[in-house]
Amino acid sequence: MQGGSEHSACPDDTGFPEIGTYWRAVDSDDLRVVDFENCSMVFNPTTWDTHYVSPLVGAVLGLLRESAFPAASIASELAATPDEVDALAGPILAVLSQLAGFGLVTPEDQIADS
């Protein structure tokens, strides 16, 4: 995903998703995820792409495979302490943008519109 204008959930000025947008994994039953100590490998059988991702990316994708969440809720779920929630918001938005670029997640409004 290049610019924010390509994706309705991404404002033009930053290219990152909006904080309140709900996200869900695409074809979550078909995705294959293998977690290792310091990374995860994600296989998307739709595109035959394999992605080597950080533990944070793997954790976000794991949550989104279960249900749709906005970035703030993902940060709350993954933060070790309440003080870490705000610090995780920016990285979570970057992860969502990366996963959307891989075609692994999509905003809820795009699922409903399909």
Protein backbone atom coordinates (compact mmCIF):
# COMPACT_ATOMS: atom_id res chain seq x y z
CA MET A 1 0.00 0.00 0.00
CA GLN A 2 1.61 3.22 -1.09
CA GLY A 3 -0.41 6.31 -0.20
CA GLY A 4 -3.33 6.92 2.05
CA SER A 5 -5.64 7.70 -0.85
CA GLU A 6 -5.64 4.04 -1.96
CA HIS A 7 -7.41 2.91 1.20
CA SER A 8 -10.56 4.44 2.60
CA ALA A 9 -9.44 3.89 6.20
CA CYS A 10 -6.16 5.75 5.68
CA PRO A 11 -6.12 9.53 5.78
CA ASP A 12 -4.21 11.18 2.93
CA ASP A 13 -1.76 13.06 5.15
CA THR A 14 -0.18 10.07 6.98
CA GLY A 15 -0.92 6.89 5.08
CA PHE A 16 -1.71 5.17 8.39
CA PRO A 17 -5.14 3.80 9.28
CA GLU A 18 -7.52 5.78 11.43
CA ILE A 19 -7.44 4.80 15.11
CA GLY A 20 -11.16 3.92 15.36
CA THR A 21 -11.37 1.72 12.24
CA TYR A 22 -12.21 -1.93 12.95
CA TRP A 23 -9.89 -4.43 11.25
CA ARG A 24 -10.26 -8.14 10.49
CA ALA A 25 -7.96 -10.77 8.96
CA VAL A 26 -8.82 -11.72 5.40
CA ASP A 27 -9.66 -15.40 4.81
CA SER A 28 -8.50 -16.21 8.31
CA ASP A 29 -9.29 -19.92 7.95
CA ASP A 30 -6.86 -20.25 5.05
CA LEU A 31 -3.93 -18.27 6.49
CA ARG A 32 -1.11 -20.29 7.98
CA VAL A 33 0.89 -18.75 10.82
CA VAL A 34 3.88 -20.33 12.52
CA ASP A 35 5.19 -18.55 15.60
CA PHE A 36 8.84 -18.77 16.57
CA GLU A 37 10.63 -17.20 19.52
CA ASN A 38 11.61 -13.97 17.74
CA CYS A 39 9.35 -13.90 14.67
CA SER A 40 6.37 -15.37 12.89
CA MET A 41 6.00 -16.73 9.39
CA VAL A 42 2.71 -16.07 7.63
CA PHE A 43 1.63 -17.95 4.51
CA ASN A 44 -1.23 -16.54 2.44
CA PRO A 45 -2.52 -19.33 0.16
CA THR A 46 -4.53 -16.83 -1.89
CA THR A 47 -1.37 -15.09 -3.14
CA TRP A 48 1.16 -17.84 -2.30
CA ASP A 49 3.19 -15.18 -0.46
CA THR A 50 5.09 -15.96 2.71
CA HIS A 51 5.92 -13.11 5.09
CA TYR A 52 8.57 -13.07 7.81
CA VAL A 53 7.14 -10.75 10.47
CA SER A 54 7.98 -9.45 13.93
CA PRO A 55 6.33 -10.85 17.06
CA LEU A 56 4.17 -7.70 17.27
CA VAL A 57 2.89 -8.22 13.73
CA GLY A 58 2.21 -11.89 14.49
CA ALA A 59 0.33 -10.98 17.68
CA VAL A 60 -1.82 -8.38 15.90
CA LEU A 61 -2.65 -10.84 13.12
CA GLY A 62 -3.48 -13.50 15.72
CA LEU A 63 -6.02 -11.19 17.37
CA LEU A 64 -7.55 -10.18 14.06
CA ARG A 65 -7.97 -13.83 13.04
CA GLU A 66 -10.28 -14.23 16.04
CA SER A 67 -12.40 -11.09 15.66
CA ALA A 68 -12.44 -7.53 14.36
CA PHE A 69 -10.76 -4.92 16.57
CA PRO A 70 -9.85 -1.22 16.33
CA ALA A 71 -6.21 -0.26 16.93
CA ALA A 72 -6.92 1.03 20.45
CA SER A 73 -8.40 -2.32 21.50
CA ILE A 74 -5.48 -4.21 19.96
CA ALA A 75 -3.08 -2.03 21.96
CA SER A 76 -5.08 -2.72 25.13
CA GLU A 77 -4.99 -6.46 24.50
CA LEU A 78 -1.25 -6.57 23.81
CA ALA A 79 0.05 -4.09 26.38
CA ALA A 80 1.73 -5.63 29.40
CA THR A 81 0.60 -2.73 31.60
CA PRO A 82 -2.02 0.03 31.22
CA ASP A 83 0.82 2.56 30.85
CA GLU A 84 1.97 0.84 27.64
CA VAL A 85 -1.35 1.19 25.79
CA ASP A 86 -0.70 4.72 24.49
CA ALA A 87 2.88 3.83 23.52
CA LEU A 88 1.62 0.90 21.42
CA ALA A 89 -0.96 2.92 19.46
CA GLY A 90 1.51 4.23 16.86
CA PRO A 91 3.25 0.89 16.27
CA ILE A 92 -0.15 -0.85 16.00
CA LEU A 93 -1.27 1.61 13.31
CA ALA A 94 1.97 0.95 11.40
CA VAL A 95 1.42 -2.82 11.72
CA LEU A 96 -2.14 -2.52 10.41
CA SER A 97 -0.88 -0.53 7.44
CA GLN A 98 1.80 -3.18 6.77
CA LEU A 99 -0.67 -6.08 7.05
CA ALA A 100 -3.14 -4.29 4.76
CA GLY A 101 -0.32 -3.85 2.24
CA PHE A 102 0.33 -7.61 2.40
CA GLY A 103 -3.39 -8.21 1.78
CA LEU A 104 -3.74 -10.00 5.13
CA VAL A 105 -6.17 -7.60 6.86
CA THR A 106 -8.90 -5.26 5.74
CA PRO A 107 -11.13 -2.70 7.42
CA GLU A 108 -14.60 -3.92 8.38
CA ASP A 109 -16.30 -1.41 6.04
CA GLN A 110 -14.52 -2.96 3.06
CA ILE A 111 -15.65 -6.44 4.09
CA ALA A 112 -19.26 -5.26 4.29
CA ASP A 113 -18.96 -3.49 0.93
CA SER A 114 -17.58 -6.57 -0.88
